[in-house]
Amino acid sequence: MVDMLEAFIAVSVRPSNTAELKKTFSASDKVKEVFYVTGEFDFLMRVEAANTFELARIIEILRSQEGVENTVTFIVLEKLK
């Protein structure tokens, strides 16, 4: 089994696009979990990628969605629990 790179991506969106983006983010096969959250960001998602190049592509796709205003990515270095 190949270890996948795991990352969390926090996403801010325009309120008028929230409903549509809930569907879009949930439909992506690279997005393993999607959380609609409170605070500075609107969504927090866990993604898996084969490498950093694939992660960059996932981020580009997310950023290209209409209504996405900002993303911040956190790459998991070690899963402790």
PDB file of N, CA and C in Angstrom:
ATOM      1  N   MET A   1       0.833  -1.181   0.000  1.00  0.00           N
ATOM      2  CA  MET A   1       0.000   0.000   0.000  1.00  0.00           C
ATOM      3  C   MET A   1       0.881   1.249   0.000  1.00  0.00           C
ATOM      4  N   VAL A   2       0.568   2.183  -0.860  1.00  0.00           N
ATOM      5  CA  VAL A   2       1.329   3.415  -0.987  1.00  0.00           C
ATOM      6  C   VAL A   2       0.778   4.446   0.000  1.00  0.00           C
ATOM      7  N   ASP A   3       1.679   5.087   0.749  1.00  0.00           N
ATOM      8  CA  ASP A   3       1.252   6.156   1.651  1.00  0.00           C
ATOM      9  C   ASP A   3       0.862   7.378   0.836  1.00  0.00           C
ATOM     10  N   MET A   4      -0.303   7.910   1.153  1.00  0.00           N
ATOM     11  CA  MET A   4      -0.785   9.105   0.482  1.00  0.00           C
ATOM     12  C   MET A   4      -0.426  10.326   1.314  1.00  0.00           C
ATOM     13  N   LEU A   5      -0.164  11.416   0.647  1.00  0.00           N
ATOM     14  CA  LEU A   5       0.029  12.685   1.312  1.00  0.00           C
ATOM     15  C   LEU A   5      -1.360  13.153   1.765  1.00  0.00           C
ATOM     16  N   GLU A   6      -1.462  13.567   3.002  1.00  0.00           N
ATOM     17  CA  GLU A   6      -2.737  14.017   3.539  1.00  0.00           C
ATOM     18  C   GLU A   6      -2.628  15.496   3.894  1.00  0.00           C
ATOM     19  N   ALA A   7      -3.675  16.253   3.620  1.00  0.00           N
ATOM     20  CA  ALA A   7      -3.672  17.687   3.926  1.00  0.00           C
ATOM     21  C   ALA A   7      -5.075  18.123   4.297  1.00  0.00           C
ATOM     22  N   PHE A   8      -5.119  19.222   5.032  1.00  0.00           N
ATOM     23  CA  PHE A   8      -6.378  19.883   5.347  1.00  0.00           C
ATOM     24  C   PHE A   8      -6.367  21.225   4.624  1.00  0.00           C
ATOM     25  N   ILE A   9      -7.487  21.554   4.004  1.00  0.00           N
ATOM     26  CA  ILE A   9      -7.605  22.812   3.288  1.00  0.00           C
ATOM     27  C   ILE A   9      -8.787  23.570   3.864  1.00  0.00           C
ATOM     28  N   ALA A  10      -8.507  24.769   4.361  1.00  0.00           N
ATOM     29  CA  ALA A  10      -9.549  25.659   4.853  1.00  0.00           C
ATOM     30  C   ALA A  10      -9.935  26.585   3.702  1.00  0.00           C
ATOM     31  N   VAL A  11     -11.233  26.776   3.509  1.00  0.00           N
ATOM     32  CA  VAL A  11     -11.716  27.534   2.355  1.00  0.00           C
ATOM     33  C   VAL A  11     -12.720  28.598   2.799  1.00  0.00           C
ATOM     34  N   SER A  12     -12.516  29.827   2.338  1.00  0.00           N
ATOM     35  CA  SER A  12     -13.481  30.919   2.520  1.00  0.00           C
ATOM     36  C   SER A  12     -14.232  31.101   1.210  1.00  0.00           C
ATOM     37  N   VAL A  13     -15.558  31.269   1.320  1.00  0.00           N
ATOM     38  CA  VAL A  13     -16.375  31.445   0.118  1.00  0.00           C
ATOM     39  C   VAL A  13     -17.318  32.627   0.279  1.00  0.00           C
ATOM     40  N   ARG A  14     -17.814  33.125  -0.859  1.00  0.00           N
ATOM     41  CA  ARG A  14     -18.857  34.151  -0.826  1.00  0.00           C
ATOM     42  C   ARG A  14     -20.149  33.475  -0.342  1.00  0.00           C
ATOM     43  N   PRO A  15     -20.874  34.122   0.565  1.00  0.00           N
ATOM     44  CA  PRO A  15     -22.105  33.515   1.092  1.00  0.00           C
ATOM     45  C   PRO A  15     -23.097  33.076   0.013  1.00  0.00           C
ATOM     46  N   SER A  16     -23.170  33.806  -1.074  1.00  0.00           N
ATOM     47  CA  SER A  16     -24.125  33.462  -2.135  1.00  0.00           C
ATOM     48  C   SER A  16     -23.770  32.161  -2.855  1.00  0.00           C
ATOM     49  N   ASN A  17     -22.548  31.659  -2.683  1.00  0.00           N
ATOM     50  CA  ASN A  17     -22.116  30.439  -3.353  1.00  0.00           C
ATOM     51  C   ASN A  17     -22.051  29.227  -2.421  1.00  0.00           C
ATOM     52  N   THR A  18     -22.405  29.408  -1.152  1.00  0.00           N
ATOM     53  CA  THR A  18     -22.237  28.345  -0.169  1.00  0.00           C
ATOM     54  C   THR A  18     -22.977  27.064  -0.547  1.00  0.00           C
ATOM     55  N   ALA A  19     -24.236  27.155  -0.875  1.00  0.00           N
ATOM     56  CA  ALA A  19     -25.041  25.957  -1.163  1.00  0.00           C
ATOM     57  C   ALA A  19     -24.468  25.162  -2.328  1.00  0.00           C
ATOM     58  N   GLU A  20     -24.112  25.834  -3.392  1.00  0.00           N
ATOM     59  CA  GLU A  20     -23.565  25.140  -4.566  1.00  0.00           C
ATOM     60  C   GLU A  20     -22.209  24.525  -4.255  1.00  0.00           C
ATOM     61  N   LEU A  21     -21.374  25.236  -3.500  1.00  0.00           N
ATOM     62  CA  LEU A  21     -20.048  24.711  -3.181  1.00  0.00           C
ATOM     63  C   LEU A  21     -20.113  23.525  -2.225  1.00  0.00           C
ATOM     64  N   LYS A  22     -21.123  23.461  -1.384  1.00  0.00           N
ATOM     65  CA  LYS A  22     -21.306  22.269  -0.540  1.00  0.00           C
ATOM     66  C   LYS A  22     -21.405  21.029  -1.430  1.00  0.00           C
ATOM     67  N   LYS A  23     -22.178  21.127  -2.486  1.00  0.00           N
ATOM     68  CA  LYS A  23     -22.353  20.004  -3.416  1.00  0.00           C
ATOM     69  C   LYS A  23     -21.062  19.718  -4.178  1.00  0.00           C
ATOM     70  N   THR A  24     -20.430  20.773  -4.675  1.00  0.00           N
ATOM     71  CA  THR A  24     -19.211  20.619  -5.475  1.00  0.00           C
ATOM     72  C   THR A  24     -18.095  19.967  -4.671  1.00  0.00           C
ATOM     73  N   PHE A  25     -17.841  20.480  -3.471  1.00  0.00           N
ATOM     74  CA  PHE A  25     -16.763  19.933  -2.638  1.00  0.00           C
ATOM     75  C   PHE A  25     -17.050  18.484  -2.254  1.00  0.00           C
ATOM     76  N   SER A  26     -18.295  18.174  -1.941  1.00  0.00           N
ATOM     77  CA  SER A  26     -18.662  16.817  -1.521  1.00  0.00           C
ATOM     78  C   SER A  26     -18.530  15.800  -2.651  1.00  0.00           C
ATOM     79  N   ALA A  27     -18.619  16.251  -3.889  1.00  0.00           N
ATOM     80  CA  ALA A  27     -18.574  15.352  -5.038  1.00  0.00           C
ATOM     81  C   ALA A  27     -17.155  14.978  -5.464  1.00  0.00           C
ATOM     82  N   SER A  28     -16.157  15.689  -4.998  1.00  0.00           N
ATOM     83  CA  SER A  28     -14.780  15.440  -5.432  1.00  0.00           C
ATOM     84  C   SER A  28     -14.233  14.148  -4.828  1.00  0.00           C
ATOM     85  N   ASP A  29     -13.627  13.297  -5.658  1.00  0.00           N
ATOM     86  CA  ASP A  29     -13.081  12.036  -5.164  1.00  0.00           C
ATOM     87  C   ASP A  29     -11.782  12.228  -4.371  1.00  0.00           C
ATOM     88  N   LYS A  30     -11.105  13.350  -4.555  1.00  0.00           N
ATOM     89  CA  LYS A  30      -9.869  13.631  -3.805  1.00  0.00           C
ATOM     90  C   LYS A  30     -10.166  14.189  -2.417  1.00  0.00           C
ATOM     91  N   VAL A  31     -11.363  14.746  -2.257  1.00  0.00           N
ATOM     92  CA  VAL A  31     -11.778  15.272  -0.955  1.00  0.00           C
ATOM     93  C   VAL A  31     -12.380  14.116  -0.167  1.00  0.00           C
ATOM     94  N   LYS A  32     -11.737  13.750   0.929  1.00  0.00           N
ATOM     95  CA  LYS A  32     -12.176  12.599   1.718  1.00  0.00           C
ATOM     96  C   LYS A  32     -13.210  12.980   2.764  1.00  0.00           C
ATOM     97  N   GLU A  33     -13.117  14.200   3.297  1.00  0.00           N
ATOM     98  CA  GLU A  33     -14.083  14.689   4.270  1.00  0.00           C
ATOM     99  C   GLU A  33     -14.270  16.184   4.055  1.00  0.00           C
ATOM    100  N   VAL A  34     -15.505  16.658   4.241  1.00  0.00           N
ATOM    101  CA  VAL A  34     -15.809  18.083   4.118  1.00  0.00           C
ATOM    102  C   VAL A  34     -16.605  18.486   5.347  1.00  0.00           C
ATOM    103  N   PHE A  35     -16.176  19.578   5.969  1.00  0.00           N
ATOM    104  CA  PHE A  35     -16.867  20.119   7.129  1.00  0.00           C
ATOM    105  C   PHE A  35     -17.265  21.564   6.833  1.00  0.00           C
ATOM    106  N   TYR A  36     -18.516  21.894   7.072  1.00  0.00           N
ATOM    107  CA  TYR A  36     -19.004  23.271   6.986  1.00  0.00           C
ATOM    108  C   TYR A  36     -18.847  23.832   8.391  1.00  0.00           C
ATOM    109  N   VAL A  37     -18.022  24.861   8.562  1.00  0.00           N
ATOM    110  CA  VAL A  37     -17.593  25.289   9.890  1.00  0.00           C
ATOM    111  C   VAL A  37     -17.864  26.775  10.137  1.00  0.00           C
ATOM    112  N   THR A  38     -17.707  27.168  11.393  1.00  0.00           N
ATOM    113  CA  THR A  38     -17.810  28.573  11.759  1.00  0.00           C
ATOM    114  C   THR A  38     -16.403  29.144  11.900  1.00  0.00           C
ATOM    115  N   GLY A  39     -16.320  30.466  11.943  1.00  0.00           N
ATOM    116  CA  GLY A  39     -15.033  31.109  12.139  1.00  0.00           C
ATOM    117  C   GLY A  39     -14.544  31.804  10.890  1.00  0.00           C
ATOM    118  N   GLU A  40     -13.251  31.945  10.790  1.00  0.00           N
ATOM    119  CA  GLU A  40     -12.627  32.668   9.687  1.00  0.00           C
ATOM    120  C   GLU A  40     -12.874  32.001   8.334  1.00  0.00           C
ATOM    121  N   PHE A  41     -13.023  30.683   8.334  1.00  0.00           N
ATOM    122  CA  PHE A  41     -13.242  29.926   7.098  1.00  0.00           C
ATOM    123  C   PHE A  41     -14.635  29.311   7.112  1.00  0.00           C
ATOM    124  N   ASP A  42     -15.110  28.951   5.935  1.00  0.00           N
ATOM    125  CA  ASP A  42     -16.444  28.365   5.795  1.00  0.00           C
ATOM    126  C   ASP A  42     -16.407  26.850   5.699  1.00  0.00           C
ATOM    127  N   PHE A  43     -15.342  26.328   5.110  1.00  0.00           N
ATOM    128  CA  PHE A  43     -15.203  24.885   4.938  1.00  0.00           C
ATOM    129  C   PHE A  43     -13.822  24.435   5.392  1.00  0.00           C
ATOM    130  N   LEU A  44     -13.774  23.226   5.907  1.00  0.00           N
ATOM    131  CA  LEU A  44     -12.503  22.566   6.194  1.00  0.00           C
ATOM    132  C   LEU A  44     -12.604  21.193   5.566  1.00  0.00           C
ATOM    133  N   MET A  45     -11.638  20.870   4.719  1.00  0.00           N
ATOM    134  CA  MET A  45     -11.688  19.567   4.062  1.00  0.00           C
ATOM    135  C   MET A  45     -10.374  18.823   4.194  1.00  0.00           C
ATOM    136  N   ARG A  46     -10.509  17.508   4.272  1.00  0.00           N
ATOM    137  CA  ARG A  46      -9.340  16.629   4.312  1.00  0.00           C
ATOM    138  C   ARG A  46      -9.199  16.022   2.929  1.00  0.00           C
ATOM    139  N   VAL A  47      -8.015  16.163   2.364  1.00  0.00           N
ATOM    140  CA  VAL A  47      -7.753  15.623   1.029  1.00  0.00           C
ATOM    141  C   VAL A  47      -6.583  14.659   1.073  1.00  0.00           C
ATOM    142  N   GLU A  48      -6.529  13.800   0.091  1.00  0.00           N
ATOM    143  CA  GLU A  48      -5.395  12.886  -0.087  1.00  0.00           C
ATOM    144  C   GLU A  48      -4.863  13.043  -1.499  1.00  0.00           C
ATOM    145  N   ALA A  49      -3.538  13.025  -1.612  1.00  0.00           N
ATOM    146  CA  ALA A  49      -2.888  13.161  -2.911  1.00  0.00           C
ATOM    147  C   ALA A  49      -1.677  12.235  -2.945  1.00  0.00           C
ATOM    148  N   ALA A  50      -1.277  11.841  -4.136  1.00  0.00           N
ATOM    149  CA  ALA A  50      -0.117  10.960  -4.290  1.00  0.00           C
ATOM    150  C   ALA A  50       1.184  11.692  -3.975  1.00  0.00           C
ATOM    151  N   ASN A  51       1.209  13.009  -4.236  1.00  0.00           N
ATOM    152  CA  ASN A  51       2.428  13.801  -4.030  1.00  0.00           C
ATOM    153  C   ASN A  51       2.059  15.284  -4.010  1.00  0.00           C
ATOM    154  N   THR A  52       3.066  16.129  -3.844  1.00  0.00           N
ATOM    155  CA  THR A  52       2.792  17.568  -3.759  1.00  0.00           C
ATOM    156  C   THR A  52       2.292  18.151  -5.086  1.00  0.00           C
ATOM    157  N   PHE A  53       2.680  17.551  -6.194  1.00  0.00           N
ATOM    158  CA  PHE A  53       2.199  18.036  -7.491  1.00  0.00           C
ATOM    159  C   PHE A  53       0.697  17.802  -7.618  1.00  0.00           C
ATOM    160  N   GLU A  54       0.257  16.631  -7.188  1.00  0.00           N
ATOM    161  CA  GLU A  54      -1.179  16.347  -7.220  1.00  0.00           C
ATOM    162  C   GLU A  54      -1.921  17.242  -6.218  1.00  0.00           C
ATOM    163  N   LEU A  55      -1.342  17.478  -5.051  1.00  0.00           N
ATOM    164  CA  LEU A  55      -1.956  18.376  -4.076  1.00  0.00           C
ATOM    165  C   LEU A  55      -2.100  19.777  -4.670  1.00  0.00           C
ATOM    166  N   ALA A  56      -1.079  20.251  -5.345  1.00  0.00           N
ATOM    167  CA  ALA A  56      -1.145  21.572  -5.977  1.00  0.00           C
ATOM    168  C   ALA A  56      -2.287  21.625  -6.988  1.00  0.00           C
ATOM    169  N   ARG A  57      -2.479  20.567  -7.722  1.00  0.00           N
ATOM    170  CA  ARG A  57      -3.569  20.511  -8.716  1.00  0.00           C
ATOM    171  C   ARG A  57      -4.931  20.556  -8.016  1.00  0.00           C
ATOM    172  N   ILE A  58      -5.071  19.822  -6.908  1.00  0.00           N
ATOM    173  CA  ILE A  58      -6.323  19.838  -6.145  1.00  0.00           C
ATOM    174  C   ILE A  58      -6.616  21.258  -5.659  1.00  0.00           C
ATOM    175  N   ILE A  59      -5.594  21.924  -5.146  1.00  0.00           N
ATOM    176  CA  ILE A  59      -5.754  23.297  -4.656  1.00  0.00           C
ATOM    177  C   ILE A  59      -6.159  24.223  -5.799  1.00  0.00           C
ATOM    178  N   GLU A  60      -5.519  24.078  -6.946  1.00  0.00           N
ATOM    179  CA  GLU A  60      -5.867  24.898  -8.118  1.00  0.00           C
ATOM    180  C   GLU A  60      -7.327  24.702  -8.512  1.00  0.00           C
ATOM    181  N   ILE A  61      -7.784  23.461  -8.488  1.00  0.00           N
ATOM    182  CA  ILE A  61      -9.180  23.171  -8.840  1.00  0.00           C
ATOM    183  C   ILE A  61     -10.126  23.816  -7.835  1.00  0.00           C
ATOM    184  N   LEU A  62      -9.806  23.696  -6.546  1.00  0.00           N
ATOM    185  CA  LEU A  62     -10.648  24.319  -5.523  1.00  0.00           C
ATOM    186  C   LEU A  62     -10.695  25.829  -5.708  1.00  0.00           C
ATOM    187  N   ARG A  63      -9.547  26.434  -5.929  1.00  0.00           N
ATOM    188  CA  ARG A  63      -9.478  27.894  -6.079  1.00  0.00           C
ATOM    189  C   ARG A  63     -10.188  28.390  -7.328  1.00  0.00           C
ATOM    190  N   SER A  64     -10.323  27.547  -8.322  1.00  0.00           N
ATOM    191  CA  SER A  64     -10.964  27.962  -9.570  1.00  0.00           C
ATOM    192  C   SER A  64     -12.495  27.939  -9.490  1.00  0.00           C
ATOM    193  N   GLN A  65     -13.044  27.393  -8.419  1.00  0.00           N
ATOM    194  CA  GLN A  65     -14.495  27.320  -8.286  1.00  0.00           C
ATOM    195  C   GLN A  65     -15.069  28.714  -8.046  1.00  0.00           C
ATOM    196  N   GLU A  66     -16.139  29.025  -8.734  1.00  0.00           N
ATOM    197  CA  GLU A  66     -16.798  30.314  -8.559  1.00  0.00           C
ATOM    198  C   GLU A  66     -17.234  30.470  -7.107  1.00  0.00           C
ATOM    199  N   GLY A  67     -16.857  31.588  -6.504  1.00  0.00           N
ATOM    200  CA  GLY A  67     -17.249  31.875  -5.132  1.00  0.00           C
ATOM    201  C   GLY A  67     -16.168  31.602  -4.100  1.00  0.00           C
ATOM    202  N   VAL A  68     -15.116  30.869  -4.483  1.00  0.00           N
ATOM    203  CA  VAL A  68     -14.018  30.626  -3.544  1.00  0.00           C
ATOM    204  C   VAL A  68     -13.180  31.895  -3.460  1.00  0.00           C
ATOM    205  N   GLU A  69     -13.009  32.390  -2.245  1.00  0.00           N
ATOM    206  CA  GLU A  69     -12.262  33.631  -2.044  1.00  0.00           C
ATOM    207  C   GLU A  69     -10.841  33.402  -1.546  1.00  0.00           C
ATOM    208  N   ASN A  70     -10.632  32.371  -0.720  1.00  0.00           N
ATOM    209  CA  ASN A  70      -9.316  32.155  -0.123  1.00  0.00           C
ATOM    210  C   ASN A  70      -9.183  30.709   0.324  1.00  0.00           C
ATOM    211  N   THR A  71      -7.956  30.189   0.262  1.00  0.00           N
ATOM    212  CA  THR A  71      -7.674  28.866   0.807  1.00  0.00           C
ATOM    213  C   THR A  71      -6.390  28.923   1.620  1.00  0.00           C
ATOM    214  N   VAL A  72      -6.326  28.076   2.624  1.00  0.00           N
ATOM    215  CA  VAL A  72      -5.101  27.876   3.397  1.00  0.00           C
ATOM    216  C   VAL A  72      -4.940  26.370   3.545  1.00  0.00           C
ATOM    217  N   THR A  73      -3.749  25.879   3.225  1.00  0.00           N
ATOM    218  CA  THR A  73      -3.496  24.441   3.220  1.00  0.00           C
ATOM    219  C   THR A  73      -2.530  24.061   4.329  1.00  0.00           C
ATOM    220  N   PHE A  74      -2.861  22.963   5.008  1.00  0.00           N
ATOM    221  CA  PHE A  74      -2.041  22.406   6.065  1.00  0.00           C
ATOM    222  C   PHE A  74      -1.679  20.979   5.682  1.00  0.00           C
ATOM    223  N   ILE A  75      -0.413  20.701   5.422  1.00  0.00           N
ATOM    224  CA  ILE A  75       0.035  19.346   5.083  1.00  0.00           C
ATOM    225  C   ILE A  75       0.320  18.586   6.363  1.00  0.00           C
ATOM    226  N   VAL A  76      -0.224  17.386   6.462  1.00  0.00           N
ATOM    227  CA  VAL A  76      -0.021  16.544   7.640  1.00  0.00           C
ATOM    228  C   VAL A  76       1.375  15.935   7.574  1.00  0.00           C
ATOM    229  N   LEU A  77       2.172  16.198   8.590  1.00  0.00           N
ATOM    230  CA  LEU A  77       3.518  15.619   8.671  1.00  0.00           C
ATOM    231  C   LEU A  77       3.501  14.273   9.376  1.00  0.00           C
ATOM    232  N   GLU A  78       2.661  14.163  10.393  1.00  0.00           N
ATOM    233  CA  GLU A  78       2.585  12.927  11.165  1.00  0.00           C
ATOM    234  C   GLU A  78       1.211  12.860  11.838  1.00  0.00           C
ATOM    235  N   LYS A  79       0.557  11.726  11.708  1.00  0.00           N
ATOM    236  CA  LYS A  79      -0.724  11.523  12.360  1.00  0.00           C
ATOM    237  C   LYS A  79      -0.445  10.900  13.723  1.00  0.00           C
ATOM    238  N   LEU A  80      -0.855  11.572  14.791  1.00  0.00           N
ATOM    239  CA  LEU A  80      -0.532  11.140  16.134  1.00  0.00           C
ATOM    240  C   LEU A  80      -1.609  10.275  16.767  1.00  0.00           C
ATOM    241  N   LYS A  81      -2.811  10.405  16.336  1.00  0.00           N
ATOM    242  CA  LYS A  81      -3.895   9.606  16.892  1.00  0.00           C
ATOM    243  C   LYS A  81      -4.928   9.325  15.832  1.00  0.00           C
TER     244      LYS A  81
END
